[in-house]
Amino acid sequence: MNPDLRSIWQRMQGLGLAALAHANRHSAYIPIENGHWPELSILQAAHAAELLIKARIAQEHPLLVFEDLPKPKADDAPLNVKRLFEDGKTIQWSDLPQRLWAATGTRLPNVEAFREFGRLRNGVQHFAPPSGTDAGALTLKFVFEVIDPFIHGAWGLCAVDYDEDHEPYLYFVGALVSHEILFHVSSEAAACFNDWDVEWDKVPAAYRNEMHRRVSAALEVR
């Protein structure tokens, strides 16, 4: 295998995590300069999911993310990134869960939510979100029902750690708690627990207790 191909999965992962941070930022904050932040968060979260799933597949073998591969040329040169960029075709969104399972043995969490979000993404980018849709809330739900458990299982990562705010966790966690979204807690997030902008006395007891349990568990592994 061409050595340049071995690092493809790391590039995909890095770009996917950057897209995730962008999606989290645009889903959880009130837009000031750009009123399309909530809709953009849907596009960014879908992009993040696609890249991260493909990264995990490519971690097994870089060519597993391709549906069509370049054909050999007369010069018999090894396949390289340039040829893949020009002539390769990667697998489609709808095929990602099956390819992930076949390549890694991992079943994507909440597959139906993944497929439904793909339909929502297509609607938003070609038309508009359905009337009355809270686009930001839908993005957060998708991120923490699908992406968060996936990247945690694959690499031990937590989606809550990816936010473009200069004060990590302070406001973003508050948005998650206000929607009663359960999320994996990293040791870094747990260490900032006292800085979370959350009024716990206004949160349902069952949700509060579960999140406190997750924080305590994360602190134990620091």
Protein backbone atom coordinates (compact mmCIF):
# COMPACT_ATOMS: atom_id res chain seq x y z
CA MET A 1 0.00 0.00 0.00
CA ASN A 2 1.17 3.52 -0.77
CA PRO A 3 2.28 5.02 2.60
CA ASP A 4 0.40 8.25 1.80
CA LEU A 5 -2.87 6.33 2.04
CA ARG A 6 -2.30 5.16 5.60
CA SER A 7 -2.98 8.58 7.12
CA ILE A 8 -6.24 9.19 5.25
CA TRP A 9 -8.34 8.19 8.25
CA GLN A 10 -6.56 10.69 10.51
CA ARG A 11 -7.19 13.53 8.08
CA MET A 12 -10.86 12.55 7.88
CA GLN A 13 -11.13 12.35 11.65
CA GLY A 14 -9.53 15.77 12.15
CA LEU A 15 -11.81 17.41 9.60
CA GLY A 16 -14.85 15.61 11.02
CA LEU A 17 -14.12 16.82 14.54
CA ALA A 18 -13.67 20.38 13.24
CA ALA A 19 -17.06 20.14 11.51
CA LEU A 20 -18.54 18.82 14.75
CA ALA A 21 -17.21 21.82 16.69
CA HIS A 22 -18.72 24.09 14.05
CA ALA A 23 -22.07 22.30 14.27
CA ASN A 24 -22.13 22.51 18.06
CA ARG A 25 -21.31 26.21 17.99
CA HIS A 26 -24.03 27.01 15.47
CA SER A 27 -26.68 24.83 17.10
CA ALA A 28 -26.37 25.98 20.70
CA TYR A 29 -25.86 29.75 20.45
CA ILE A 30 -28.12 32.58 19.39
CA PRO A 31 -27.01 33.86 15.98
CA ILE A 32 -26.16 37.55 15.85
CA GLU A 33 -24.49 38.23 12.53
CA ASN A 34 -25.88 35.29 10.56
CA GLY A 35 -29.48 34.21 11.02
CA HIS A 36 -28.86 30.90 9.27
CA TRP A 37 -26.73 29.40 12.05
CA PRO A 38 -29.37 26.82 13.11
CA GLU A 39 -29.87 25.57 9.54
CA LEU A 40 -26.11 25.56 8.93
CA SER A 41 -25.66 23.43 12.04
CA ILE A 42 -27.70 20.68 10.38
CA LEU A 43 -25.44 20.68 7.33
CA GLN A 44 -22.31 20.74 9.48
CA ALA A 45 -23.47 17.94 11.79
CA ALA A 46 -24.30 15.72 8.82
CA HIS A 47 -20.90 16.48 7.30
CA ALA A 48 -19.22 15.68 10.61
CA ALA A 49 -21.03 12.35 10.91
CA GLU A 50 -20.14 11.32 7.38
CA LEU A 51 -16.45 12.17 7.82
CA LEU A 52 -16.15 10.51 11.22
CA ILE A 53 -17.83 7.29 10.12
CA LYS A 54 -15.64 7.16 7.02
CA ALA A 55 -12.59 7.83 9.19
CA ARG A 56 -13.35 4.78 11.32
CA ILE A 57 -13.86 2.65 8.22
CA ALA A 58 -10.65 3.96 6.64
CA GLN A 59 -8.80 3.21 9.87
CA GLU A 60 -9.30 -0.46 9.02
CA HIS A 61 -8.20 0.07 5.42
CA PRO A 62 -8.28 3.36 3.48
CA LEU A 63 -9.84 1.85 0.35
CA LEU A 64 -12.90 0.54 2.23
CA VAL A 65 -14.53 3.98 2.04
CA PHE A 66 -14.62 3.85 -1.75
CA GLU A 67 -17.46 2.60 -3.89
CA ASP A 68 -15.53 2.96 -7.15
CA LEU A 69 -11.73 2.77 -7.38
CA PRO A 70 -9.41 4.02 -10.13
CA LYS A 71 -8.42 1.45 -12.73
CA PRO A 72 -4.72 0.58 -13.23
CA LYS A 73 -2.82 2.59 -15.83
CA ALA A 74 -0.21 1.37 -18.28
CA ASP A 75 2.64 2.82 -16.21
CA ASP A 76 1.74 0.40 -13.38
CA ALA A 77 2.35 3.15 -10.78
CA PRO A 78 1.01 2.47 -7.26
CA LEU A 79 -2.35 3.95 -6.35
CA ASN A 80 -1.92 7.30 -4.61
CA VAL A 81 -4.03 10.03 -3.04
CA LYS A 82 -4.01 12.11 -6.23
CA ARG A 83 -5.51 9.25 -8.26
CA LEU A 84 -8.15 8.63 -5.62
CA PHE A 85 -9.02 12.33 -5.56
CA GLU A 86 -9.39 12.44 -9.34
CA ASP A 87 -11.04 9.09 -10.08
CA GLY A 88 -12.33 7.58 -6.84
CA LYS A 89 -15.92 7.70 -5.61
CA THR A 90 -16.65 7.23 -1.92
CA ILE A 91 -19.69 5.42 -0.54
CA GLN A 92 -22.95 7.28 -0.09
CA TRP A 93 -24.60 8.40 3.17
CA SER A 94 -27.23 5.66 3.10
CA ASP A 95 -24.57 2.94 2.80
CA LEU A 96 -22.39 4.13 5.70
CA PRO A 97 -24.00 2.09 8.53
CA GLN A 98 -23.72 -1.17 6.61
CA ARG A 99 -20.14 -0.50 5.49
CA LEU A 100 -19.16 0.49 9.05
CA TRP A 101 -20.55 -2.79 10.37
CA ALA A 102 -18.95 -4.87 7.61
CA ALA A 103 -15.52 -3.21 8.00
CA THR A 104 -15.30 -2.88 11.77
CA GLY A 105 -18.05 -5.00 13.33
CA THR A 106 -19.49 -1.82 14.87
CA ARG A 107 -23.17 -1.03 14.60
CA LEU A 108 -23.89 2.69 14.29
CA PRO A 109 -25.95 3.90 17.27
CA ASN A 110 -29.53 4.92 16.42
CA VAL A 111 -29.40 4.08 12.72
CA GLU A 112 -32.93 5.30 12.07
CA ALA A 113 -32.08 8.71 13.58
CA PHE A 114 -29.03 8.78 11.27
CA ARG A 115 -31.17 8.08 8.20
CA GLU A 116 -33.82 10.61 9.23
CA PHE A 117 -31.19 13.29 9.77
CA GLY A 118 -29.87 12.62 6.28
CA ARG A 119 -33.33 13.31 4.89
CA LEU A 120 -33.51 16.49 6.97
CA ARG A 121 -30.10 17.60 5.69
CA ASN A 122 -31.20 17.11 2.09
CA GLY A 123 -34.37 19.11 2.69
CA VAL A 124 -32.53 21.97 4.37
CA GLN A 125 -29.84 22.34 1.71
CA HIS A 126 -32.26 22.19 -1.22
CA PHE A 127 -35.39 23.80 0.23
CA ALA A 128 -35.85 24.82 3.87
CA PRO A 129 -36.46 23.16 7.23
CA PRO A 130 -40.10 22.19 7.86
CA SER A 131 -42.22 24.98 9.28
CA GLY A 132 -41.86 25.29 13.04
CA THR A 133 -38.64 23.26 13.14
CA ASP A 134 -36.11 24.08 15.85
CA ALA A 135 -33.08 23.33 13.68
CA GLY A 136 -30.54 23.86 16.45
CA ALA A 137 -32.35 21.49 18.81
CA LEU A 138 -32.55 18.83 16.11
CA THR A 139 -28.82 19.15 15.52
CA LEU A 140 -28.01 18.73 19.21
CA LYS A 141 -30.29 15.70 19.41
CA PHE A 142 -28.55 14.10 16.43
CA VAL A 143 -25.06 14.90 17.68
CA PHE A 144 -25.65 13.37 21.09
CA GLU A 145 -27.81 10.42 20.02
CA VAL A 146 -25.62 9.36 17.10
CA ILE A 147 -22.21 11.08 16.87
CA ASP A 148 -21.39 11.21 20.58
CA PRO A 149 -21.89 7.49 21.31
CA PHE A 150 -20.19 6.60 18.04
CA ILE A 151 -16.96 8.56 18.60
CA HIS A 152 -16.90 7.54 22.24
CA GLY A 153 -17.06 3.88 21.30
CA ALA A 154 -14.60 4.24 18.42
CA TRP A 155 -11.91 6.45 19.97
CA GLY A 156 -12.95 7.33 23.53
CA LEU A 157 -13.87 10.88 22.44
CA CYS A 158 -16.73 13.01 23.77
CA ALA A 159 -18.74 15.37 21.56
CA VAL A 160 -19.09 17.86 24.41
CA ASP A 161 -15.36 18.64 24.05
CA TYR A 162 -15.84 20.04 20.53
CA ASP A 163 -17.16 23.59 20.58
CA GLU A 164 -15.70 26.76 19.08
CA ASP A 165 -16.52 28.94 22.08
CA HIS A 166 -13.44 30.46 23.73
CA GLU A 167 -14.85 29.36 27.12
CA PRO A 168 -15.30 25.61 26.69
CA TYR A 169 -18.25 24.00 28.50
CA LEU A 170 -19.49 27.21 30.15
CA TYR A 171 -22.49 27.89 27.90
CA PHE A 172 -22.56 24.87 25.61
CA VAL A 173 -23.29 22.44 28.42
CA GLY A 174 -26.10 24.72 29.55
CA ALA A 175 -27.75 24.34 26.16
CA LEU A 176 -27.54 20.56 26.42
CA VAL A 177 -28.99 20.54 29.91
CA SER A 178 -31.84 22.88 28.92
CA HIS A 179 -32.86 20.28 26.30
CA GLU A 180 -32.32 17.44 28.80
CA ILE A 181 -29.78 15.82 26.47
CA LEU A 182 -27.66 13.08 28.01
CA PHE A 183 -24.03 13.14 26.92
CA HIS A 184 -20.72 11.44 27.61
CA VAL A 185 -18.66 13.50 30.05
CA SER A 186 -14.91 13.73 29.52
CA SER A 187 -12.51 14.23 32.41
CA GLU A 188 -11.84 17.74 31.07
CA ALA A 189 -15.53 18.63 31.09
CA ALA A 190 -16.00 17.13 34.55
CA ALA A 191 -13.11 19.18 35.93
CA CYS A 192 -15.02 22.33 34.88
CA PHE A 193 -18.30 21.15 36.42
CA ASN A 194 -18.55 24.07 38.84
CA ASP A 195 -18.27 26.49 35.91
CA TRP A 196 -21.16 25.00 33.93
CA ASP A 197 -23.88 27.61 33.45
CA VAL A 198 -26.64 25.32 34.73
CA GLU A 199 -29.40 25.81 37.31
CA TRP A 200 -29.60 22.22 38.53
CA ASP A 201 -32.56 22.89 40.84
CA LYS A 202 -34.67 23.56 37.72
CA VAL A 203 -33.69 20.28 36.04
CA PRO A 204 -35.80 17.10 36.39
CA ALA A 205 -34.38 14.89 39.12
CA ALA A 206 -33.87 11.81 36.96
CA TYR A 207 -31.85 13.74 34.39
CA ARG A 208 -29.90 15.65 37.06
CA ASN A 209 -28.99 12.47 38.92
CA GLU A 210 -27.80 10.71 35.78
CA MET A 211 -25.63 13.64 34.70
CA HIS A 212 -24.15 13.96 38.19
CA ARG A 213 -23.37 10.25 38.09
CA ARG A 214 -21.57 10.69 34.75
CA VAL A 215 -19.58 13.63 36.09
CA SER A 216 -18.52 11.65 39.15
CA ALA A 217 -17.48 8.70 36.98
CA ALA A 218 -15.41 10.98 34.73
CA LEU A 219 -13.66 12.54 37.73
CA GLU A 220 -12.70 9.10 39.03
CA VAL A 221 -10.66 8.35 35.94
CA ARG A 222 -8.67 11.60 35.96
